[in-house]
Amino acid sequence: MNTKKYLAFFMLILTVVVSVACNSNSEEASKSDSSQAAELDGSIVIDGSGTVYPLMAQLAEEYMLTEQENVSIEVSRAGTSAGFKKFLTENGSDFNNASREIKEEEIENADTLNIETKEFKVALDGLTFVIHPDNDWATELTKDQIISIFKADSDISKWSDLDPDFPDEKIQPYGPNENHGTYEFFWENILEEKDLVSTTNLQQEYSTLVNLISEDINGIAFFGYGYYASNQDTLKAVNVDFGDGPVEPSLDTIAEDGDYAPFTRPVFTYLNIQHAKEKPQVLDYAKFVVNNINNFASETGFAPLPEDEITEYVQFLDELKQEN
């Protein structure tokens, strides 16, 4: 074989090898892209906090519309404590939303059942006290005055007991019932585990509380800021004086180190780790939540989380995916 023929033959072989390699790489890339964009199906079950419900419901709707249309997400609002009972059981829910941290007895129950959980802080909420829109006397109250309204051993029963310039009318307190983490946060952290006054009207549904206050000029209720923010046409928020002047609850003041800090609390969702390992849609949705939570928080009346906390959650879920 002369030199020219040898070079031509060599170039032909090289072209074939390169072509095969490129096609192989292209096929691998295609497989990788296909894997990343794989369509998921199945269901996700979420229960728990009524306070966190609007935020998680909006995230679930967005996920089903824009990410995985074949995944069905059921979001319920039994309340934090009732939700943990559904979460910490065989074949329980995939997520439990909570407006308080998991309790020691719930952790023990999880250990007994070999259920591994992961806590995700999802936003910051401000415990908000609301009154009838025509109530023009109790628009600014001190923290101690608010506590005295709800505490059983207080001598406050009428508005005039708080201030002689207030009406000589009975105060009607309202709040969420014991199923809700909001009740537990208020009882444990604000009332310091003292009994509520027996006349407090406790309700399961937040919408019921909104309606009751909107019709009772002598009523005062507490719940998460989001329910006030979405009902400002029928409710008025009390500005709270923690010692340095009245503070209006708002997305600017609600923060763990902000002006409304004494009534600020984190809210959570808890993930069943085993479910996330066994069901790709559960892990995928968990990643969607932590990557998008701050984009949706303010829309549902929550203050956003610091970005470093979000980064930590993303890293955890990425590592969990690599384990599968």
C-alpha atoms as a PDB file:
ATOM      1  CA  MET A   1       0.000   0.000   0.000  1.00  0.00           C
ATOM      2  CA  ASN A   2       1.537   3.357  -1.016  1.00  0.00           C
ATOM      3  CA  THR A   3       1.662   6.345   1.324  1.00  0.00           C
ATOM      4  CA  LYS A   4      -1.340   8.191  -0.125  1.00  0.00           C
ATOM      5  CA  LYS A   5      -3.578   5.123   0.072  1.00  0.00           C
ATOM      6  CA  TYR A   6      -2.383   4.431   3.614  1.00  0.00           C
ATOM      7  CA  LEU A   7      -3.225   7.980   4.753  1.00  0.00           C
ATOM      8  CA  ALA A   8      -6.643   7.839   3.109  1.00  0.00           C
ATOM      9  CA  PHE A   9      -7.378   4.500   4.801  1.00  0.00           C
ATOM     10  CA  PHE A  10      -6.201   5.869   8.183  1.00  0.00           C
ATOM     11  CA  MET A  11      -8.406   8.965   7.876  1.00  0.00           C
ATOM     12  CA  LEU A  12     -11.414   6.806   7.024  1.00  0.00           C
ATOM     13  CA  ILE A  13     -10.885   4.646  10.111  1.00  0.00           C
ATOM     14  CA  LEU A  14     -10.417   7.767  12.304  1.00  0.00           C
ATOM     15  CA  THR A  15     -13.633   9.305  10.970  1.00  0.00           C
ATOM     16  CA  VAL A  16     -15.579   6.133  11.767  1.00  0.00           C
ATOM     17  CA  VAL A  17     -14.148   5.972  15.312  1.00  0.00           C
ATOM     18  CA  VAL A  18     -14.921   9.634  16.020  1.00  0.00           C
ATOM     19  CA  SER A  19     -18.406   9.253  14.567  1.00  0.00           C
ATOM     20  CA  VAL A  20     -19.131   6.220  16.745  1.00  0.00           C
ATOM     21  CA  ALA A  21     -17.785   8.003  19.832  1.00  0.00           C
ATOM     22  CA  CYS A  22     -19.860  11.121  19.148  1.00  0.00           C
ATOM     23  CA  ASN A  23     -22.990   9.070  18.589  1.00  0.00           C
ATOM     24  CA  SER A  24     -22.314   7.163  21.805  1.00  0.00           C
ATOM     25  CA  ASN A  25     -21.810  10.399  23.776  1.00  0.00           C
ATOM     26  CA  SER A  26     -24.921  11.875  22.194  1.00  0.00           C
ATOM     27  CA  GLU A  27     -26.972   8.834  23.177  1.00  0.00           C
ATOM     28  CA  GLU A  28     -25.648   9.005  26.763  1.00  0.00           C
ATOM     29  CA  ALA A  29     -26.463  12.720  26.958  1.00  0.00           C
ATOM     30  CA  SER A  30     -29.917  12.039  25.569  1.00  0.00           C
ATOM     31  CA  LYS A  31     -30.455   9.338  28.172  1.00  0.00           C
ATOM     32  CA  SER A  32     -29.251  11.706  30.898  1.00  0.00           C
ATOM     33  CA  ASP A  33     -31.515  14.530  29.734  1.00  0.00           C
ATOM     34  CA  SER A  34     -34.422  12.119  29.480  1.00  0.00           C
ATOM     35  CA  SER A  35     -33.751  10.919  33.030  1.00  0.00           C
ATOM     36  CA  GLN A  36     -33.620  14.474  34.398  1.00  0.00           C
ATOM     37  CA  ALA A  37     -36.860  15.379  32.665  1.00  0.00           C
ATOM     38  CA  ALA A  38     -38.559  12.087  33.435  1.00  0.00           C
ATOM     39  CA  GLU A  39     -42.262  12.302  33.996  1.00  0.00           C
ATOM     40  CA  LEU A  40     -43.374  11.150  37.422  1.00  0.00           C
ATOM     41  CA  ASP A  41     -46.720   9.829  38.559  1.00  0.00           C
ATOM     42  CA  GLY A  42     -48.341   8.618  41.738  1.00  0.00           C
ATOM     43  CA  SER A  43     -49.706  10.492  44.717  1.00  0.00           C
ATOM     44  CA  ILE A  44     -48.463  12.608  47.639  1.00  0.00           C
ATOM     45  CA  VAL A  45     -50.389  12.968  50.902  1.00  0.00           C
ATOM     46  CA  ILE A  46     -49.920  16.053  53.095  1.00  0.00           C
ATOM     47  CA  ASP A  47     -51.808  16.888  56.281  1.00  0.00           C
ATOM     48  CA  GLY A  48     -51.380  18.919  59.451  1.00  0.00           C
ATOM     49  CA  SER A  49     -51.372  22.604  60.279  1.00  0.00           C
ATOM     50  CA  GLY A  50     -54.226  24.815  59.165  1.00  0.00           C
ATOM     51  CA  THR A  51     -51.852  27.769  59.407  1.00  0.00           C
ATOM     52  CA  VAL A  52     -49.371  26.257  56.938  1.00  0.00           C
ATOM     53  CA  TYR A  53     -52.156  24.909  54.706  1.00  0.00           C
ATOM     54  CA  PRO A  54     -52.529  27.942  52.364  1.00  0.00           C
ATOM     55  CA  LEU A  55     -48.796  27.981  51.648  1.00  0.00           C
ATOM     56  CA  MET A  56     -48.488  24.248  50.997  1.00  0.00           C
ATOM     57  CA  ALA A  57     -51.729  24.154  49.009  1.00  0.00           C
ATOM     58  CA  GLN A  58     -50.423  26.850  46.664  1.00  0.00           C
ATOM     59  CA  LEU A  59     -47.086  25.082  46.254  1.00  0.00           C
ATOM     60  CA  ALA A  60     -48.882  21.803  45.528  1.00  0.00           C
ATOM     61  CA  GLU A  61     -51.063  23.443  42.894  1.00  0.00           C
ATOM     62  CA  GLU A  62     -48.035  25.044  41.226  1.00  0.00           C
ATOM     63  CA  TYR A  63     -46.152  21.735  41.212  1.00  0.00           C
ATOM     64  CA  MET A  64     -49.030  19.848  39.595  1.00  0.00           C
ATOM     65  CA  LEU A  65     -49.552  22.571  36.975  1.00  0.00           C
ATOM     66  CA  THR A  66     -45.963  23.335  36.012  1.00  0.00           C
ATOM     67  CA  GLU A  67     -43.781  20.399  37.089  1.00  0.00           C
ATOM     68  CA  GLN A  68     -45.520  17.009  37.163  1.00  0.00           C
ATOM     69  CA  GLU A  69     -49.087  16.949  35.883  1.00  0.00           C
ATOM     70  CA  ASN A  70     -49.392  13.188  36.497  1.00  0.00           C
ATOM     71  CA  VAL A  71     -48.661  13.516  40.208  1.00  0.00           C
ATOM     72  CA  SER A  72     -51.688  14.005  42.450  1.00  0.00           C
ATOM     73  CA  ILE A  73     -51.146  15.912  45.715  1.00  0.00           C
ATOM     74  CA  GLU A  74     -53.729  15.856  48.484  1.00  0.00           C
ATOM     75  CA  VAL A  75     -53.299  18.657  51.026  1.00  0.00           C
ATOM     76  CA  SER A  76     -55.496  18.533  54.157  1.00  0.00           C
ATOM     77  CA  ARG A  77     -55.601  20.599  57.367  1.00  0.00           C
ATOM     78  CA  ALA A  78     -56.513  18.441  60.343  1.00  0.00           C
ATOM     79  CA  GLY A  79     -54.292  20.561  62.577  1.00  0.00           C
ATOM     80  CA  THR A  80     -50.702  20.032  63.695  1.00  0.00           C
ATOM     81  CA  SER A  81     -51.346  17.483  66.453  1.00  0.00           C
ATOM     82  CA  ALA A  82     -54.002  15.559  64.546  1.00  0.00           C
ATOM     83  CA  GLY A  83     -51.714  15.614  61.513  1.00  0.00           C
ATOM     84  CA  PHE A  84     -48.821  14.071  63.436  1.00  0.00           C
ATOM     85  CA  LYS A  85     -51.099  11.172  64.384  1.00  0.00           C
ATOM     86  CA  LYS A  86     -51.730  10.541  60.681  1.00  0.00           C
ATOM     87  CA  PHE A  87     -48.044  11.016  59.854  1.00  0.00           C
ATOM     88  CA  LEU A  88     -46.564   8.794  62.555  1.00  0.00           C
ATOM     89  CA  THR A  89     -48.337   5.569  61.693  1.00  0.00           C
ATOM     90  CA  GLU A  90     -47.832   2.675  59.292  1.00  0.00           C
ATOM     91  CA  ASN A  91     -48.468   3.892  55.733  1.00  0.00           C
ATOM     92  CA  GLY A  92     -49.015   7.388  57.071  1.00  0.00           C
ATOM     93  CA  SER A  93     -48.914  10.687  55.233  1.00  0.00           C
ATOM     94  CA  ASP A  94     -45.781  11.752  53.331  1.00  0.00           C
ATOM     95  CA  PHE A  95     -45.555  15.206  54.891  1.00  0.00           C
ATOM     96  CA  ASN A  96     -46.973  16.782  58.036  1.00  0.00           C
ATOM     97  CA  ASN A  97     -47.251  20.554  58.168  1.00  0.00           C
ATOM     98  CA  ALA A  98     -46.779  21.974  61.661  1.00  0.00           C
ATOM     99  CA  SER A  99     -47.048  25.367  63.320  1.00  0.00           C
ATOM    100  CA  ARG A 100     -44.878  24.110  66.180  1.00  0.00           C
ATOM    101  CA  GLU A 101     -41.898  21.804  66.533  1.00  0.00           C
ATOM    102  CA  ILE A 102     -42.438  18.071  66.913  1.00  0.00           C
ATOM    103  CA  LYS A 103     -42.922  17.059  70.556  1.00  0.00           C
ATOM    104  CA  GLU A 104     -40.750  14.614  72.495  1.00  0.00           C
ATOM    105  CA  GLU A 105     -43.551  12.052  72.729  1.00  0.00           C
ATOM    106  CA  GLU A 106     -44.064  12.286  68.951  1.00  0.00           C
ATOM    107  CA  ILE A 107     -40.337  11.706  68.404  1.00  0.00           C
ATOM    108  CA  GLU A 108     -40.530   8.656  70.680  1.00  0.00           C
ATOM    109  CA  ASN A 109     -43.502   7.378  68.705  1.00  0.00           C
ATOM    110  CA  ALA A 110     -41.548   7.811  65.457  1.00  0.00           C
ATOM    111  CA  ASP A 111     -38.613   5.875  66.934  1.00  0.00           C
ATOM    112  CA  THR A 112     -40.902   3.057  68.075  1.00  0.00           C
ATOM    113  CA  LEU A 113     -42.325   2.781  64.550  1.00  0.00           C
ATOM    114  CA  ASN A 114     -38.870   3.155  62.919  1.00  0.00           C
ATOM    115  CA  ILE A 115     -40.075   6.229  61.053  1.00  0.00           C
ATOM    116  CA  GLU A 116     -37.251   8.603  60.201  1.00  0.00           C
ATOM    117  CA  THR A 117     -38.357  12.202  59.737  1.00  0.00           C
ATOM    118  CA  LYS A 118     -36.743  15.412  58.549  1.00  0.00           C
ATOM    119  CA  GLU A 119     -37.834  18.822  59.790  1.00  0.00           C
ATOM    120  CA  PHE A 120     -37.938  21.662  57.276  1.00  0.00           C
ATOM    121  CA  LYS A 121     -38.633  25.178  58.440  1.00  0.00           C
ATOM    122  CA  VAL A 122     -40.777  26.628  55.637  1.00  0.00           C
ATOM    123  CA  ALA A 123     -41.482  30.220  56.703  1.00  0.00           C
ATOM    124  CA  LEU A 124     -41.901  32.673  59.570  1.00  0.00           C
ATOM    125  CA  ASP A 125     -45.343  33.539  60.917  1.00  0.00           C
ATOM    126  CA  GLY A 126     -46.534  36.253  63.249  1.00  0.00           C
ATOM    127  CA  LEU A 127     -49.177  35.390  65.840  1.00  0.00           C
ATOM    128  CA  THR A 128     -51.769  38.066  65.125  1.00  0.00           C
ATOM    129  CA  PHE A 129     -54.578  39.370  67.329  1.00  0.00           C
ATOM    130  CA  VAL A 130     -57.603  40.614  65.447  1.00  0.00           C
ATOM    131  CA  ILE A 131     -60.697  42.623  66.346  1.00  0.00           C
ATOM    132  CA  HIS A 132     -63.883  43.821  64.667  1.00  0.00           C
ATOM    133  CA  PRO A 133     -63.253  46.580  62.070  1.00  0.00           C
ATOM    134  CA  ASP A 134     -65.467  48.986  64.049  1.00  0.00           C
ATOM    135  CA  ASN A 135     -63.525  48.454  67.263  1.00  0.00           C
ATOM    136  CA  ASP A 136     -61.679  51.777  67.579  1.00  0.00           C
ATOM    137  CA  TRP A 137     -60.472  51.448  71.201  1.00  0.00           C
ATOM    138  CA  ALA A 138     -58.334  48.290  71.247  1.00  0.00           C
ATOM    139  CA  THR A 139     -56.242  48.991  68.168  1.00  0.00           C
ATOM    140  CA  GLU A 140     -53.102  49.236  70.334  1.00  0.00           C
ATOM    141  CA  LEU A 141     -52.553  46.916  73.305  1.00  0.00           C
ATOM    142  CA  THR A 142     -49.518  45.919  75.328  1.00  0.00           C
ATOM    143  CA  LYS A 143     -48.351  42.324  75.396  1.00  0.00           C
ATOM    144  CA  ASP A 144     -49.400  42.104  79.062  1.00  0.00           C
ATOM    145  CA  GLN A 145     -52.889  43.431  78.299  1.00  0.00           C
ATOM    146  CA  ILE A 146     -53.362  40.779  75.612  1.00  0.00           C
ATOM    147  CA  ILE A 147     -52.213  38.032  77.967  1.00  0.00           C
ATOM    148  CA  SER A 148     -54.575  39.257  80.675  1.00  0.00           C
ATOM    149  CA  ILE A 149     -57.522  38.984  78.276  1.00  0.00           C
ATOM    150  CA  PHE A 150     -56.897  35.284  77.664  1.00  0.00           C
ATOM    151  CA  LYS A 151     -55.498  34.090  81.011  1.00  0.00           C
ATOM    152  CA  ALA A 152     -57.898  32.347  83.402  1.00  0.00           C
ATOM    153  CA  ASP A 153     -56.526  33.811  86.630  1.00  0.00           C
ATOM    154  CA  SER A 154     -56.722  37.396  85.344  1.00  0.00           C
ATOM    155  CA  ASP A 155     -59.165  39.937  86.777  1.00  0.00           C
ATOM    156  CA  ILE A 156     -59.905  41.248  83.265  1.00  0.00           C
ATOM    157  CA  SER A 157     -63.328  40.436  81.892  1.00  0.00           C
ATOM    158  CA  LYS A 158     -64.523  43.771  80.439  1.00  0.00           C
ATOM    159  CA  TRP A 159     -62.805  46.192  78.089  1.00  0.00           C
ATOM    160  CA  SER A 160     -63.079  48.842  80.798  1.00  0.00           C
ATOM    161  CA  ASP A 161     -60.988  46.602  83.069  1.00  0.00           C
ATOM    162  CA  LEU A 162     -58.094  47.168  80.678  1.00  0.00           C
ATOM    163  CA  ASP A 163     -58.641  50.908  80.437  1.00  0.00           C
ATOM    164  CA  PRO A 164     -61.417  52.999  82.024  1.00  0.00           C
ATOM    165  CA  ASP A 165     -61.817  54.823  78.711  1.00  0.00           C
ATOM    166  CA  PHE A 166     -62.742  51.546  76.977  1.00  0.00           C
ATOM    167  CA  PRO A 167     -66.426  50.404  76.775  1.00  0.00           C
ATOM    168  CA  ASP A 168     -67.961  48.746  79.814  1.00  0.00           C
ATOM    169  CA  GLU A 169     -68.647  45.600  77.780  1.00  0.00           C
ATOM    170  CA  LYS A 170     -67.679  41.952  78.207  1.00  0.00           C
ATOM    171  CA  ILE A 171     -64.675  40.856  76.160  1.00  0.00           C
ATOM    172  CA  GLN A 172     -65.239  37.723  74.073  1.00  0.00           C
ATOM    173  CA  PRO A 173     -61.953  35.859  73.386  1.00  0.00           C
ATOM    174  CA  TYR A 174     -61.649  33.465  70.427  1.00  0.00           C
ATOM    175  CA  GLY A 175     -58.958  31.132  69.122  1.00  0.00           C
ATOM    176  CA  PRO A 176     -58.158  27.854  67.354  1.00  0.00           C
ATOM    177  CA  ASN A 177     -58.743  24.667  69.329  1.00  0.00           C
ATOM    178  CA  GLU A 178     -56.250  22.191  70.791  1.00  0.00           C
ATOM    179  CA  ASN A 179     -55.771  20.369  67.465  1.00  0.00           C
ATOM    180  CA  HIS A 180     -53.791  23.317  66.198  1.00  0.00           C
ATOM    181  CA  GLY A 181     -50.151  24.118  66.753  1.00  0.00           C
ATOM    182  CA  THR A 182     -51.159  27.778  66.929  1.00  0.00           C
ATOM    183  CA  TYR A 183     -53.137  27.050  70.096  1.00  0.00           C
ATOM    184  CA  GLU A 184     -50.195  25.130  71.541  1.00  0.00           C
ATOM    185  CA  PHE A 185     -47.723  27.898  70.648  1.00  0.00           C
ATOM    186  CA  PHE A 186     -49.957  30.489  72.296  1.00  0.00           C
ATOM    187  CA  TRP A 187     -50.561  28.377  75.395  1.00  0.00           C
ATOM    188  CA  GLU A 188     -46.960  27.294  75.831  1.00  0.00           C
ATOM    189  CA  ASN A 189     -45.026  30.399  74.781  1.00  0.00           C
ATOM    190  CA  ILE A 190     -47.349  33.331  75.416  1.00  0.00           C
ATOM    191  CA  LEU A 191     -49.470  32.129  78.349  1.00  0.00           C
ATOM    192  CA  GLU A 192     -46.547  30.049  79.707  1.00  0.00           C
ATOM    193  CA  GLU A 193     -48.873  27.035  80.077  1.00  0.00           C
ATOM    194  CA  LYS A 194     -51.441  28.872  82.199  1.00  0.00           C
ATOM    195  CA  ASP A 195     -55.115  28.025  81.635  1.00  0.00           C
ATOM    196  CA  LEU A 196     -57.165  30.009  79.148  1.00  0.00           C
ATOM    197  CA  VAL A 197     -60.159  31.863  80.483  1.00  0.00           C
ATOM    198  CA  SER A 198     -63.173  29.540  80.346  1.00  0.00           C
ATOM    199  CA  THR A 199     -65.150  31.893  78.094  1.00  0.00           C
ATOM    200  CA  THR A 200     -62.661  31.502  75.224  1.00  0.00           C
ATOM    201  CA  ASN A 201     -64.492  30.250  72.143  1.00  0.00           C
ATOM    202  CA  LEU A 202     -62.163  27.712  70.481  1.00  0.00           C
ATOM    203  CA  GLN A 203     -62.808  26.594  66.914  1.00  0.00           C
ATOM    204  CA  GLN A 204     -61.420  23.975  64.512  1.00  0.00           C
ATOM    205  CA  GLU A 205     -61.798  26.082  61.369  1.00  0.00           C
ATOM    206  CA  TYR A 206     -59.988  29.385  60.898  1.00  0.00           C
ATOM    207  CA  SER A 207     -62.696  30.563  58.523  1.00  0.00           C
ATOM    208  CA  THR A 208     -65.170  30.204  61.401  1.00  0.00           C
ATOM    209  CA  LEU A 209     -62.993  32.428  63.592  1.00  0.00           C
ATOM    210  CA  VAL A 210     -62.825  35.054  60.857  1.00  0.00           C
ATOM    211  CA  ASN A 211     -66.623  35.074  60.586  1.00  0.00           C
ATOM    212  CA  LEU A 212     -67.143  35.231  64.360  1.00  0.00           C
ATOM    213  CA  ILE A 213     -64.839  38.222  64.828  1.00  0.00           C
ATOM    214  CA  SER A 214     -66.285  40.029  61.822  1.00  0.00           C
ATOM    215  CA  GLU A 215     -69.680  39.866  63.561  1.00  0.00           C
ATOM    216  CA  ASP A 216     -68.641  40.551  67.184  1.00  0.00           C
ATOM    217  CA  ILE A 217     -67.510  44.062  68.045  1.00  0.00           C
ATOM    218  CA  ASN A 218     -66.404  42.887  71.499  1.00  0.00           C
ATOM    219  CA  GLY A 219     -64.451  39.908  70.224  1.00  0.00           C
ATOM    220  CA  ILE A 220     -60.698  39.381  69.959  1.00  0.00           C
ATOM    221  CA  ALA A 221     -59.061  36.337  68.373  1.00  0.00           C
ATOM    222  CA  PHE A 222     -55.587  35.021  67.626  1.00  0.00           C
ATOM    223  CA  PHE A 223     -54.231  33.109  64.651  1.00  0.00           C
ATOM    224  CA  GLY A 224     -51.466  33.247  62.042  1.00  0.00           C
ATOM    225  CA  TYR A 225     -50.806  36.476  60.154  1.00  0.00           C
ATOM    226  CA  GLY A 226     -51.836  34.959  56.830  1.00  0.00           C
ATOM    227  CA  TYR A 227     -55.494  34.615  57.838  1.00  0.00           C
ATOM    228  CA  TYR A 228     -55.542  38.284  58.810  1.00  0.00           C
ATOM    229  CA  ALA A 229     -53.742  39.347  55.613  1.00  0.00           C
ATOM    230  CA  SER A 230     -56.328  37.614  53.439  1.00  0.00           C
ATOM    231  CA  ASN A 231     -59.277  39.057  55.401  1.00  0.00           C
ATOM    232  CA  GLN A 232     -58.298  42.673  55.998  1.00  0.00           C
ATOM    233  CA  ASP A 233     -61.630  43.851  54.622  1.00  0.00           C
ATOM    234  CA  THR A 234     -63.455  42.253  57.585  1.00  0.00           C
ATOM    235  CA  LEU A 235     -60.803  42.298  60.337  1.00  0.00           C
ATOM    236  CA  LYS A 236     -58.513  44.765  62.068  1.00  0.00           C
ATOM    237  CA  ALA A 237     -55.129  43.787  63.536  1.00  0.00           C
ATOM    238  CA  VAL A 238     -54.059  44.898  67.004  1.00  0.00           C
ATOM    239  CA  ASN A 239     -50.706  46.691  67.119  1.00  0.00           C
ATOM    240  CA  VAL A 240     -48.747  45.214  70.023  1.00  0.00           C
ATOM    241  CA  ASP A 241     -46.496  47.171  72.384  1.00  0.00           C
ATOM    242  CA  PHE A 242     -43.659  44.939  73.584  1.00  0.00           C
ATOM    243  CA  GLY A 243     -42.069  47.782  75.534  1.00  0.00           C
ATOM    244  CA  ASP A 244     -40.803  50.124  72.820  1.00  0.00           C
ATOM    245  CA  GLY A 245     -44.081  51.326  71.338  1.00  0.00           C
ATOM    246  CA  PRO A 246     -46.820  49.643  69.276  1.00  0.00           C
ATOM    247  CA  VAL A 247     -45.715  47.328  66.465  1.00  0.00           C
ATOM    248  CA  GLU A 248     -47.969  46.469  63.550  1.00  0.00           C
ATOM    249  CA  PRO A 249     -47.756  42.827  62.461  1.00  0.00           C
ATOM    250  CA  SER A 250     -46.508  42.815  58.859  1.00  0.00           C
ATOM    251  CA  LEU A 251     -44.100  40.998  56.572  1.00  0.00           C
ATOM    252  CA  ASP A 252     -41.545  43.688  57.429  1.00  0.00           C
ATOM    253  CA  THR A 253     -41.805  43.283  61.218  1.00  0.00           C
ATOM    254  CA  ILE A 254     -42.321  39.498  61.472  1.00  0.00           C
ATOM    255  CA  ALA A 255     -38.831  38.065  62.050  1.00  0.00           C
ATOM    256  CA  GLU A 256     -37.055  36.103  64.740  1.00  0.00           C
ATOM    257  CA  ASP A 257     -34.865  39.143  65.374  1.00  0.00           C
ATOM    258  CA  GLY A 258     -37.356  41.825  64.256  1.00  0.00           C
ATOM    259  CA  ASP A 259     -39.715  44.273  65.969  1.00  0.00           C
ATOM    260  CA  TYR A 260     -42.455  41.633  66.192  1.00  0.00           C
ATOM    261  CA  ALA A 261     -40.065  38.921  67.406  1.00  0.00           C
ATOM    262  CA  PRO A 262     -41.911  38.070  70.684  1.00  0.00           C
ATOM    263  CA  PHE A 263     -44.920  36.907  68.642  1.00  0.00           C
ATOM    264  CA  THR A 264     -42.919  35.482  65.713  1.00  0.00           C
ATOM    265  CA  ARG A 265     -42.580  31.738  65.248  1.00  0.00           C
ATOM    266  CA  PRO A 266     -41.228  29.430  62.566  1.00  0.00           C
ATOM    267  CA  VAL A 267     -43.615  27.038  60.842  1.00  0.00           C
ATOM    268  CA  PHE A 268     -42.583  23.665  59.460  1.00  0.00           C
ATOM    269  CA  THR A 269     -43.217  20.686  57.299  1.00  0.00           C
ATOM    270  CA  TYR A 270     -41.937  17.220  58.266  1.00  0.00           C
ATOM    271  CA  LEU A 271     -40.913  14.666  55.637  1.00  0.00           C
ATOM    272  CA  ASN A 272     -41.088  10.882  55.981  1.00  0.00           C
ATOM    273  CA  ILE A 273     -37.556   9.961  54.819  1.00  0.00           C
ATOM    274  CA  GLN A 274     -38.437   6.380  53.895  1.00  0.00           C
ATOM    275  CA  HIS A 275     -41.293   7.556  51.700  1.00  0.00           C
ATOM    276  CA  ALA A 276     -38.916   9.972  49.977  1.00  0.00           C
ATOM    277  CA  LYS A 277     -36.540   7.093  49.258  1.00  0.00           C
ATOM    278  CA  GLU A 278     -39.264   4.768  48.013  1.00  0.00           C
ATOM    279  CA  LYS A 279     -41.407   7.236  46.056  1.00  0.00           C
ATOM    280  CA  PRO A 280     -39.586   9.496  43.551  1.00  0.00           C
ATOM    281  CA  GLN A 281     -42.493  11.943  43.443  1.00  0.00           C
ATOM    282  CA  VAL A 282     -42.236  12.596  47.188  1.00  0.00           C
ATOM    283  CA  LEU A 283     -38.543  13.439  47.013  1.00  0.00           C
ATOM    284  CA  ASP A 284     -39.064  15.521  43.884  1.00  0.00           C
ATOM    285  CA  TYR A 285     -41.819  17.515  45.546  1.00  0.00           C
ATOM    286  CA  ALA A 286     -39.690  18.063  48.665  1.00  0.00           C
ATOM    287  CA  LYS A 287     -36.976  19.560  46.441  1.00  0.00           C
ATOM    288  CA  PHE A 288     -39.548  21.736  44.686  1.00  0.00           C
ATOM    289  CA  VAL A 289     -40.809  23.035  48.038  1.00  0.00           C
ATOM    290  CA  VAL A 290     -37.436  24.068  49.427  1.00  0.00           C
ATOM    291  CA  ASN A 291     -36.350  25.624  46.122  1.00  0.00           C
ATOM    292  CA  ASN A 292     -39.547  27.660  45.764  1.00  0.00           C
ATOM    293  CA  ILE A 293     -40.769  28.293  49.314  1.00  0.00           C
ATOM    294  CA  ASN A 294     -39.495  31.862  49.562  1.00  0.00           C
ATOM    295  CA  ASN A 295     -41.152  32.757  46.239  1.00  0.00           C
ATOM    296  CA  PHE A 296     -44.572  31.824  47.620  1.00  0.00           C
ATOM    297  CA  ALA A 297     -44.270  32.736  51.312  1.00  0.00           C
ATOM    298  CA  SER A 298     -45.294  36.384  51.087  1.00  0.00           C
ATOM    299  CA  GLU A 299     -48.224  35.544  48.793  1.00  0.00           C
ATOM    300  CA  THR A 300     -49.806  33.565  51.633  1.00  0.00           C
ATOM    301  CA  GLY A 301     -48.891  35.885  54.524  1.00  0.00           C
ATOM    302  CA  PHE A 302     -45.528  34.516  55.648  1.00  0.00           C
ATOM    303  CA  ALA A 303     -42.113  36.110  55.997  1.00  0.00           C
ATOM    304  CA  PRO A 304     -39.352  34.302  54.045  1.00  0.00           C
ATOM    305  CA  LEU A 305     -36.476  32.237  55.425  1.00  0.00           C
ATOM    306  CA  PRO A 306     -32.797  33.217  55.337  1.00  0.00           C
ATOM    307  CA  GLU A 307     -31.135  31.880  52.185  1.00  0.00           C
ATOM    308  CA  ASP A 308     -28.499  29.914  54.123  1.00  0.00           C
ATOM    309  CA  GLU A 309     -31.250  27.746  55.623  1.00  0.00           C
ATOM    310  CA  ILE A 310     -32.672  27.077  52.159  1.00  0.00           C
ATOM    311  CA  THR A 311     -29.204  26.078  50.912  1.00  0.00           C
ATOM    312  CA  GLU A 312     -28.823  23.608  53.775  1.00  0.00           C
ATOM    313  CA  TYR A 313     -32.139  21.938  52.918  1.00  0.00           C
ATOM    314  CA  VAL A 314     -31.276  21.700  49.223  1.00  0.00           C
ATOM    315  CA  GLN A 315     -27.967  20.004  50.061  1.00  0.00           C
ATOM    316  CA  PHE A 316     -29.711  17.505  52.334  1.00  0.00           C
ATOM    317  CA  LEU A 317     -32.206  16.509  49.637  1.00  0.00           C
ATOM    318  CA  ASP A 318     -29.499  16.273  46.966  1.00  0.00           C
ATOM    319  CA  GLU A 319     -27.559  13.880  49.197  1.00  0.00           C
ATOM    320  CA  LEU A 320     -30.716  11.890  49.861  1.00  0.00           C
ATOM    321  CA  LYS A 321     -31.277  11.511  46.128  1.00  0.00           C
ATOM    322  CA  GLN A 322     -27.696  10.308  45.617  1.00  0.00           C
ATOM    323  CA  GLU A 323     -28.275   7.582  48.212  1.00  0.00           C
ATOM    324  CA  ASN A 324     -31.085   6.079  46.121  1.00  0.00           C
END
